[in-house]
Protein backbone atom coordinates (compact mmCIF):
# COMPACT_ATOMS: atom_id res chain seq x y z
CA MET A 1 -3.98 -67.24 -24.93
CA PRO A 2 -5.74 -64.82 -22.76
CA PRO A 3 -6.84 -61.17 -23.69
CA ASN A 4 -4.53 -58.83 -22.29
CA ILE A 5 -6.72 -57.51 -18.90
CA GLU A 6 -5.28 -53.99 -18.96
CA SER A 7 -7.10 -53.52 -22.91
CA ARG A 8 -10.23 -54.40 -21.42
CA ILE A 9 -10.40 -51.32 -19.12
CA PRO A 10 -11.17 -48.25 -21.18
CA ASP A 11 -8.45 -45.54 -20.97
CA SER A 12 -10.99 -42.87 -19.51
CA GLU A 13 -11.14 -45.19 -16.91
CA LEU A 14 -7.20 -44.76 -16.59
CA ARG A 15 -6.72 -41.90 -17.36
CA LEU A 16 -9.37 -40.47 -14.12
CA ASP A 17 -7.56 -42.58 -12.31
CA SER A 18 -4.38 -40.64 -12.82
CA SER A 19 -6.04 -37.72 -12.31
CA GLU A 20 -6.73 -38.74 -9.08
CA THR A 21 -3.61 -40.18 -8.36
CA VAL A 22 -2.22 -36.95 -8.71
CA ALA A 23 -4.85 -35.20 -6.50
CA LEU A 24 -4.28 -36.54 -3.94
CA SER A 25 -0.02 -36.41 -4.40
CA ALA A 26 -0.92 -32.96 -4.31
CA THR A 27 -3.54 -33.25 -1.40
CA ALA A 28 -1.00 -34.93 1.02
CA ARG A 29 1.66 -32.93 -0.29
CA ILE A 30 0.00 -29.40 0.81
CA ALA A 31 -0.79 -30.86 3.49
CA ALA A 32 2.64 -31.94 4.98
CA PHE A 33 3.46 -28.61 4.36
CA LEU A 34 0.84 -27.28 6.35
CA GLU A 35 1.75 -29.75 9.25
CA GLN A 36 5.65 -29.00 8.41
CA ASN A 37 4.98 -25.07 8.60
CA ARG A 38 1.91 -25.02 11.15
CA PHE A 39 3.71 -22.71 13.96
CA LEU A 40 5.17 -20.62 11.15
CA LEU A 41 2.08 -20.30 9.42
CA ILE A 42 0.11 -19.12 12.85
CA PHE A 43 3.21 -16.58 13.63
CA ALA A 44 3.35 -14.96 10.84
CA SER A 45 -0.53 -14.78 11.16
CA MET A 46 -0.69 -13.90 14.16
CA SER A 47 2.08 -11.49 13.79
CA SER A 48 0.36 -9.76 10.51
CA PHE A 49 -3.29 -9.09 13.08
CA MET A 50 -0.96 -7.63 15.76
CA GLY A 51 0.91 -5.44 12.77
CA ILE A 52 -2.75 -4.33 12.08
CA THR A 53 -4.01 -3.33 15.36
CA VAL A 54 -0.63 -1.22 15.33
CA GLY A 55 -0.98 -0.05 12.80
CA MET A 56 -4.41 1.48 13.21
CA ALA A 57 -3.69 2.46 16.90
CA GLN A 58 -1.08 4.73 15.36
CA VAL A 59 -3.16 6.18 13.00
CA THR A 60 -5.83 6.43 15.13
CA THR A 61 -3.85 8.01 17.45
CA SER A 62 -3.56 10.83 15.50
CA LEU A 63 -6.31 11.38 13.88
CA TYR A 64 -7.71 11.88 16.85
CA ALA A 65 -4.92 13.77 18.21
CA THR A 66 -5.66 16.19 15.68
CA LYS A 67 -9.33 16.57 16.13
CA LEU A 68 -8.95 17.33 19.71
CA GLY A 69 -7.01 20.59 18.50
CA CYS A 70 -3.58 19.66 19.73
CA SER A 71 -0.60 22.06 19.43
CA GLU A 72 2.99 21.03 17.67
CA GLN A 73 4.23 19.81 20.57
CA MET A 74 1.70 18.21 22.23
CA LEU A 75 2.24 16.59 18.63
CA GLY A 76 5.56 16.44 19.43
CA LEU A 77 5.14 15.00 22.68
CA ILE A 78 2.64 12.03 21.75
CA ALA A 79 4.93 10.82 18.61
CA GLY A 80 7.88 10.76 20.77
CA SER A 81 5.75 9.11 24.23
CA GLN A 82 5.04 6.14 22.03
CA SER A 83 8.74 4.70 22.67
CA VAL A 84 9.24 5.90 26.08
CA GLY A 85 8.41 2.96 27.82
CA VAL A 86 9.37 0.49 25.35
CA LEU A 87 13.36 2.02 25.79
CA VAL A 88 12.85 1.79 29.82
CA MET A 89 10.56 -1.78 29.44
CA SER A 90 13.09 -3.45 27.38
CA LEU A 91 15.92 -5.40 29.15
CA PRO A 92 13.79 -5.16 32.16
CA VAL A 93 11.19 -7.69 29.97
CA GLY A 94 13.63 -9.34 28.73
CA MET A 95 14.97 -9.91 32.44
CA LEU A 96 11.51 -11.35 33.29
CA VAL A 97 10.57 -13.89 30.23
CA GLU A 98 14.58 -15.87 31.13
CA ARG A 99 12.67 -16.07 34.81
CA PHE A 100 9.15 -16.70 34.45
CA GLY A 101 8.59 -17.31 30.56
CA PRO A 102 7.15 -15.48 27.95
CA ALA A 103 3.45 -16.32 27.82
CA ARG A 104 2.35 -15.43 31.04
CA LEU A 105 3.99 -11.65 30.17
CA PHE A 106 2.31 -11.50 26.87
CA VAL A 107 -0.93 -11.89 28.36
CA ILE A 108 -0.60 -9.21 30.94
CA GLY A 109 0.96 -6.46 28.71
CA THR A 110 -1.56 -7.46 26.16
CA LEU A 111 -4.43 -7.63 28.58
CA LEU A 112 -3.19 -4.01 29.82
CA SER A 113 -2.83 -2.27 26.55
CA GLY A 114 -6.31 -4.12 25.21
CA ILE A 115 -8.18 -1.92 29.24
CA THR A 116 -6.40 1.15 28.43
CA TYR A 117 -7.11 1.45 24.63
CA ALA A 118 -10.27 0.92 25.90
CA LEU A 119 -10.50 3.70 28.04
CA THR A 120 -8.84 6.11 24.68
CA PRO A 121 -11.49 7.91 24.64
CA LEU A 122 -13.41 8.72 27.03
CA GLY A 123 -11.14 11.49 28.02
CA GLY A 124 -11.69 13.98 25.30
CA LEU A 125 -8.91 15.89 26.46
CA PRO A 126 -4.95 16.26 25.17
CA GLY A 127 -3.17 15.37 28.03
CA TYR A 128 -5.63 12.29 28.77
CA LEU A 129 -4.80 11.01 25.45
CA LEU A 130 -1.12 11.56 26.51
CA ALA A 131 -1.27 9.76 29.51
CA CYS A 132 -2.88 6.77 27.50
CA THR A 133 -0.69 6.92 24.35
CA THR A 134 2.16 7.11 27.13
CA ALA A 135 1.82 4.25 29.50
CA ILE A 136 0.69 2.51 26.06
CA SER A 137 4.08 1.59 25.68
CA PHE A 138 5.28 0.77 29.33
CA PHE A 139 2.81 -2.37 28.65
CA MET A 140 3.69 -2.94 24.83
CA PRO A 141 7.46 -4.17 25.48
CA LEU A 142 5.64 -7.56 27.30
CA ARG A 143 3.86 -8.19 24.07
CA PHE A 144 6.99 -7.45 21.60
CA VAL A 145 10.03 -9.32 23.67
CA SER A 146 7.82 -12.31 24.43
CA LEU A 147 7.56 -12.11 21.57
CA ASN A 148 10.27 -11.76 19.59
CA ALA A 149 12.24 -13.93 22.22
CA LEU A 150 10.00 -16.95 21.12
CA PHE A 151 11.08 -15.90 17.53
CA LEU A 152 14.12 -15.58 18.41
CA GLN A 153 14.41 -19.45 20.01
CA GLN A 154 12.49 -21.16 17.24
CA LEU A 155 14.96 -19.47 14.58
CA VAL A 156 17.34 -21.96 15.05
CA THR A 157 14.51 -25.08 13.96
CA LEU A 158 12.97 -22.90 11.26
CA GLY A 159 16.51 -21.51 9.11
CA GLU A 160 17.98 -18.63 8.63
CA SER A 161 15.71 -18.49 4.80
CA LYS A 162 12.64 -17.75 7.54
CA ALA A 163 14.50 -15.07 9.39
CA GLY A 164 12.98 -11.87 8.06
CA TRP A 165 9.53 -13.81 8.06
CA TYR A 166 8.13 -11.71 11.61
CA ARG A 167 8.85 -8.34 10.98
CA GLY A 168 8.31 -8.70 7.28
CA THR A 169 4.64 -10.01 8.21
CA HIS A 170 4.81 -7.31 11.89
CA MET A 171 5.65 -4.76 8.72
CA ILE A 172 2.79 -5.68 6.41
CA GLY A 173 -0.13 -5.04 9.07
CA THR A 174 1.40 -2.39 10.60
CA PHE A 175 1.92 0.18 7.48
CA LEU A 176 0.28 -1.40 4.77
CA ILE A 177 -2.91 -2.78 5.89
CA GLY A 178 -3.62 -1.33 9.10
CA PRO A 179 -3.39 2.73 8.51
CA THR A 180 -5.99 1.90 5.93
CA ILE A 181 -8.42 -0.40 8.18
CA ALA A 182 -8.06 2.22 10.65
CA ALA A 183 -8.94 5.89 8.37
CA ARG A 184 -12.36 4.19 7.25
CA VAL A 185 -13.66 2.29 10.45
CA VAL A 186 -12.81 5.98 11.84
CA GLY A 187 -14.78 7.36 8.77
CA TRP A 188 -17.38 4.92 9.62
CA MET A 189 -17.82 4.42 12.86
CA GLY A 190 -15.55 7.28 15.25
CA PHE A 191 -13.13 7.57 17.46
CA ALA A 192 -14.28 5.82 20.35
CA GLU A 193 -15.49 3.09 18.22
CA ALA A 194 -12.29 2.65 16.80
CA TYR A 195 -10.50 2.14 19.65
CA TRP A 196 -12.62 -0.68 20.99
CA LEU A 197 -12.36 -2.30 18.20
CA ILE A 198 -8.14 -1.75 18.88
CA ALA A 199 -9.17 -3.17 21.99
CA ILE A 200 -10.78 -5.83 21.72
CA SER A 201 -8.37 -6.83 18.92
CA PHE A 202 -5.82 -7.53 21.51
CA GLY A 203 -8.04 -9.97 23.06
CA VAL A 204 -7.78 -11.57 20.38
CA THR A 205 -3.79 -12.33 20.17
CA ILE A 206 -4.60 -13.52 23.98
CA LEU A 207 -6.33 -16.96 22.06
CA VAL A 208 -4.11 -17.18 19.90
CA SER A 209 -0.52 -16.37 21.99
CA ARG A 210 -1.28 -19.83 24.10
CA ILE A 211 -0.80 -21.94 20.73
CA LEU A 212 2.66 -20.03 19.89
CA PHE A 213 4.16 -19.92 23.42
CA SER A 214 3.21 -24.21 24.02
CA ARG A 215 6.30 -24.13 21.71
CA PHE A 216 9.02 -22.17 24.13
CA GLY A 217 11.55 -24.67 25.43
CA HIS A 218 11.39 -22.08 28.77
CA ARG A 219 14.02 -22.90 30.93
CA SER A 220 12.98 -22.41 34.73
CA ARG A 221 15.35 -19.80 36.43
CA ALA A 222 13.38 -19.54 39.64
CA GLN A 223 16.73 -18.05 41.45
CA ALA A 224 16.91 -15.68 39.29
CA ARG A 225 16.53 -11.80 40.88
CA VAL A 226 15.68 -8.88 38.85
CA GLY A 227 16.63 -5.63 40.30
CA VAL A 228 18.65 -2.63 39.54
CA ARG A 229 22.18 -4.86 39.95
CA GLU A 230 20.88 -7.50 38.21
CA LEU A 231 19.31 -4.57 35.08
CA LEU A 232 23.58 -3.06 35.32
CA SER A 233 24.92 -6.13 34.75
CA GLN A 234 23.34 -6.98 31.59
CA VAL A 235 23.43 -3.38 30.01
CA ALA A 236 27.53 -4.36 31.16
CA PHE A 237 27.27 -7.85 28.88
CA MET A 238 26.42 -5.90 26.47
CA LEU A 239 29.27 -3.59 26.50
CA ARG A 240 31.26 -6.04 27.29
CA ASP A 241 29.74 -9.03 24.55
CA ARG A 242 32.20 -8.22 21.69
CA GLU A 243 29.73 -9.97 19.25
CA LEU A 244 26.49 -8.73 20.90
CA ARG A 245 28.42 -5.26 21.24
CA GLY A 246 28.70 -4.36 17.12
CA LEU A 247 24.62 -6.20 16.20
CA SER A 248 23.24 -3.59 18.42
CA LEU A 249 25.31 -0.62 17.16
CA LEU A 250 24.11 -2.47 13.40
CA GLU A 251 20.67 -2.14 14.81
CA CYS A 252 20.76 1.12 16.50
CA LEU A 253 22.59 2.55 12.25
CA ASN A 254 20.05 0.15 10.89
CA GLN A 255 16.50 1.77 12.86
CA GLY A 256 18.48 5.10 12.91
CA VAL A 257 18.49 5.50 9.31
CA GLY A 258 15.29 4.07 8.21
CA ALA A 259 13.74 6.55 10.95
CA PHE A 260 15.05 9.21 9.57
CA PHE A 261 14.28 8.33 6.07
CA THR A 262 10.60 8.32 6.54
CA PHE A 263 10.36 11.53 8.99
CA PHE A 264 12.64 13.40 7.01
CA ILE A 265 12.32 12.15 3.38
CA ILE A 266 8.99 13.86 2.25
CA VAL A 267 10.28 17.36 2.89
CA ILE A 268 12.92 16.44 0.75
CA ALA A 269 11.25 15.50 -1.86
CA VAL A 270 8.99 18.33 -1.80
CA ARG A 271 12.21 20.91 -1.60
CA VAL A 272 14.74 19.15 -3.71
CA ALA A 273 12.13 17.93 -6.80
CA HIS A 274 9.08 19.94 -6.15
CA LEU A 275 6.99 17.03 -5.69
CA GLY A 276 3.22 17.03 -3.99
CA ILE A 277 2.81 14.87 -0.39
CA GLY A 278 1.09 12.11 -2.76
CA GLY A 279 3.76 11.52 -4.15
CA ALA A 280 6.65 12.23 -1.16
CA THR A 281 4.97 9.58 0.90
CA GLY A 282 5.11 7.17 -2.41
CA LEU A 283 9.56 7.27 -1.65
CA VAL A 284 8.09 5.67 1.58
CA PHE A 285 6.08 3.00 0.85
CA ALA A 286 8.65 2.36 -2.73
CA LYS A 287 11.61 1.90 0.78
CA GLY A 288 8.57 -0.11 2.84
CA LEU A 289 8.02 -2.55 0.05
CA THR A 290 12.06 -3.13 -1.10
CA TYR A 291 12.08 -3.12 2.32
CA ILE A 292 9.03 -6.28 3.36
CA PHE A 293 10.56 -8.18 -0.29
CA SER A 294 14.14 -8.95 1.29
CA LEU A 295 12.59 -9.47 4.65
CA PHE A 296 10.98 -12.11 2.85
CA ALA A 297 13.22 -13.58 -0.13
CA LEU A 298 16.85 -12.46 1.37
CA GLY A 299 16.81 -15.01 4.31
CA GLY A 300 18.57 -18.16 2.24
CA VAL A 301 20.77 -16.09 0.39
CA VAL A 302 22.16 -14.40 3.68
CA GLY A 303 22.37 -18.09 4.62
CA LYS A 304 24.71 -18.44 1.83
CA LEU A 305 26.87 -15.84 1.58
CA GLY A 306 27.90 -16.20 5.68
CA ARG A 307 27.70 -13.95 8.40
CA ALA A 308 30.49 -11.61 7.48
CA ARG A 309 30.25 -10.97 3.90
CA ALA A 310 25.94 -10.89 4.32
CA TYR A 311 27.01 -8.35 6.48
CA LEU A 312 29.22 -6.81 4.17
CA ALA A 313 26.71 -6.68 1.27
CA SER A 314 23.68 -5.28 3.60
CA LEU A 315 26.26 -1.72 4.11
CA VAL A 316 27.01 -1.78 0.25
CA ILE A 317 24.11 -1.79 -1.10
CA MET A 318 22.77 0.30 1.70
CA GLY A 319 25.42 2.67 1.17
CA ALA A 320 24.50 2.89 -2.89
CA GLY A 321 21.15 3.65 -1.64
CA LEU A 322 22.24 6.56 0.60
CA VAL A 323 24.64 8.04 -1.87
CA ALA A 324 21.35 8.13 -4.86
CA LEU A 325 19.50 9.96 -1.86
CA GLY A 326 21.85 12.25 -0.70
CA ILE A 327 23.46 13.70 -4.45
CA ALA A 328 19.79 13.43 -6.20
CA SER A 329 18.23 15.97 -7.46
CA SER A 330 15.13 14.34 -9.43
CA SER A 331 12.40 12.43 -7.94
CA GLY A 332 14.25 9.74 -10.48
CA TRP A 333 17.16 9.46 -8.32
CA LEU A 334 14.90 9.78 -5.06
CA TRP A 335 13.20 6.69 -5.99
CA LEU A 336 16.01 4.23 -7.19
CA GLY A 337 17.37 5.33 -3.75
CA SER A 338 14.55 5.19 -1.99
CA LEU A 339 14.52 1.03 -3.43
CA VAL A 340 17.61 0.12 -2.89
CA LEU A 341 18.01 1.52 0.05
CA GLY A 342 14.88 -0.60 1.47
CA LEU A 343 17.15 -3.69 -0.14
CA GLY A 344 20.16 -2.58 1.98
CA LEU A 345 17.70 -2.48 5.78
CA GLY A 346 16.30 -4.96 4.73
CA THR A 347 19.07 -7.60 4.05
CA LEU A 348 20.81 -5.65 7.07
CA GLN A 349 17.73 -6.49 9.76
CA ILE A 350 17.77 -10.46 8.40
CA ALA A 351 21.55 -10.57 8.97
CA ASN A 352 20.77 -9.59 12.71
CA LEU A 353 18.40 -11.47 14.07
CA THR A 354 20.08 -14.52 12.69
CA GLY A 355 22.94 -13.42 14.53
CA TYR A 356 21.09 -12.41 17.91
CA ALA A 357 18.97 -15.70 17.53
CA ARG A 358 22.70 -16.78 17.63
CA VAL A 359 24.48 -15.10 20.76
CA GLY A 360 20.40 -16.06 22.72
CA GLN A 361 22.07 -20.06 21.97
CA ARG A 362 24.95 -18.90 24.96
CA ALA A 363 22.85 -15.51 26.91
CA GLY A 364 19.20 -16.71 27.18
CA HIS A 365 16.62 -15.68 24.25
CA GLY A 366 14.39 -13.63 26.88
CA LYS A 367 17.76 -11.39 28.01
CA ILE A 368 19.07 -11.23 24.06
CA SER A 369 15.36 -10.08 22.32
CA GLY A 370 15.50 -7.25 25.09
CA MET A 371 18.60 -6.33 24.06
CA ASN A 372 17.16 -6.45 20.47
CA ALA A 373 13.77 -3.95 21.42
CA LEU A 374 16.36 -1.69 23.20
CA ALA A 375 18.83 -1.16 20.57
CA GLY A 376 16.06 -0.05 17.49
CA PRO A 377 14.18 2.32 19.04
CA ALA A 378 16.85 4.17 20.46
CA GLY A 379 18.57 3.44 17.17
CA GLY A 380 15.49 5.26 15.55
CA ILE A 381 15.84 8.07 18.54
CA LEU A 382 19.28 9.11 17.44
CA GLY A 383 19.07 8.85 14.26
CA ASN A 384 16.03 11.86 14.32
CA LEU A 385 18.11 14.31 16.70
CA CYS A 386 22.09 13.84 14.98
CA GLY A 387 20.05 13.80 11.34
CA GLY A 388 17.77 17.09 12.24
CA VAL A 389 21.48 18.07 14.41
CA ILE A 390 23.41 17.94 11.47
CA GLY A 391 20.72 18.93 8.96
CA GLY A 392 20.17 22.10 10.82
CA TRP A 393 24.40 22.20 9.57
CA LEU A 394 24.69 20.77 6.24
CA GLY A 395 20.94 20.59 5.01
CA LEU A 396 18.92 17.20 5.67
CA GLN A 397 19.55 16.00 1.90
CA ALA A 398 23.39 16.28 3.06
CA VAL A 399 22.53 13.36 6.22
CA PHE A 400 22.34 10.78 4.07
CA LEU A 401 25.50 11.47 2.69
CA VAL A 402 26.57 11.52 6.84
CA PHE A 403 24.89 7.94 6.98
CA ALA A 404 26.62 6.97 4.43
CA GLY A 405 29.55 7.67 5.53
CA VAL A 406 29.04 5.73 8.82
CA ALA A 407 28.47 2.19 6.53
CA LEU A 408 31.61 2.68 4.84
CA VAL A 409 33.09 2.74 7.91
CA ALA A 410 31.07 -0.36 9.27
CA CYS A 411 32.62 -1.95 6.43
CA LEU A 412 36.11 -1.49 7.43
CA PRO A 413 36.69 -4.02 9.80
CA LEU A 414 34.15 -6.68 8.11
CA VAL A 415 37.17 -6.49 4.84
CA ARG A 416 39.76 -6.13 6.73
CA LYS A 417 38.17 -9.91 8.58
CA LEU A 418 37.27 -11.55 5.19
CA GLY A 419 40.94 -10.69 4.31
CA ALA A 420 42.18 -12.29 7.26
CA ALA A 421 40.28 -15.50 6.15
CA THR A 422 41.21 -15.26 2.58
CA LEU A 423 44.97 -15.54 3.37
CA GLU A 424 44.55 -18.28 6.18
CA THR A 425 42.72 -20.31 2.94
CA ALA A 426 45.44 -19.70 0.51
CA SER A 427 48.11 -20.32 3.30
CA LEU A 428 46.54 -23.65 4.11
CA GLY A 429 45.96 -25.03 0.65
CA PRO A 430 47.15 -27.57 -1.32
CA THR A 431 51.24 -27.97 -0.74
CA GLY A 432 54.43 -29.34 -2.64
């Protein structure tokens, strides 16, 4: 009887074959993952890179304005000018995306922004810096409304679990990486070189954009017109469409609360908890950390909860954080409130992005992207203005409790909706 063939093969060779099989299997899985998520990985990298350039530009401009000796009034004008163009251009750019597609608009906005950043350090006057900053605010919506339209369209394929990736990757670049790079570049090279590096970075995104926007399924709308009448019709549509109106109001609340917190929490922390500048700014970092975490980690949870429950959960979490901040008398409560608030705002952002993507399927992703881009900055401006007025009357810390009350009011229709759904389910239950 012939001996067993396998017995002639050394154990070392068997182990080698087994390890090679495992290695090949792992390599195949990695290759399959990269191929399956190719668009998402490129998009996330591009979004993060764009966030880095935005963060660099914001910090460089603030430092440059200080170097030029700008007054407090001029500093306020320069800070506010960054939102002027966004408010004016968001809806028109959304309509242009619907007609021409996002690719060429992205390239035009990127070129104009990059050229303006390259010219910014050549003036050396506060008024010139204000003019450049204002001009850039009109060009930037061509970039981010176009990119947002692409993401909202692809979100249907990517799934709700990836809804927060766009904002998450962009915020990592804007708040965590970009400012650090800007401070180092300005220190090593100077303001002119920092602005020129930003301009070059804008040019790099044009090259990558060709890969991304090839995925945009644009249906030609050559007959569509872009004018004042069409613009007013879009505003009327936003006010008339119940779902879109609700999304926009929640987006305003989200951005308004976030803007007020970011601007005023340092003052509150110093006055109430007697924290130093480092400890006070750490609260902003804490809120940003849980916000970014929720954008990346909680998309799947939001999808499983369903729309109404996801909104209710996010508003309750946000309200809890606001109450903690409103009653805080020590640094511990401020830290707890900041962490909880970031979690709630991030969860609400995921639910809103998913909602905008759903509305975009029936109304056009370009138009909805423009409306989304309008609601956010409008909420930020209203949050700071209303917060400042109410804070002057009741005190800055009490504004957090006012926002908590607004979040509670927003919960009421969701509770009624869930209650009606529960009663309907019970009435359709087993009978007999």
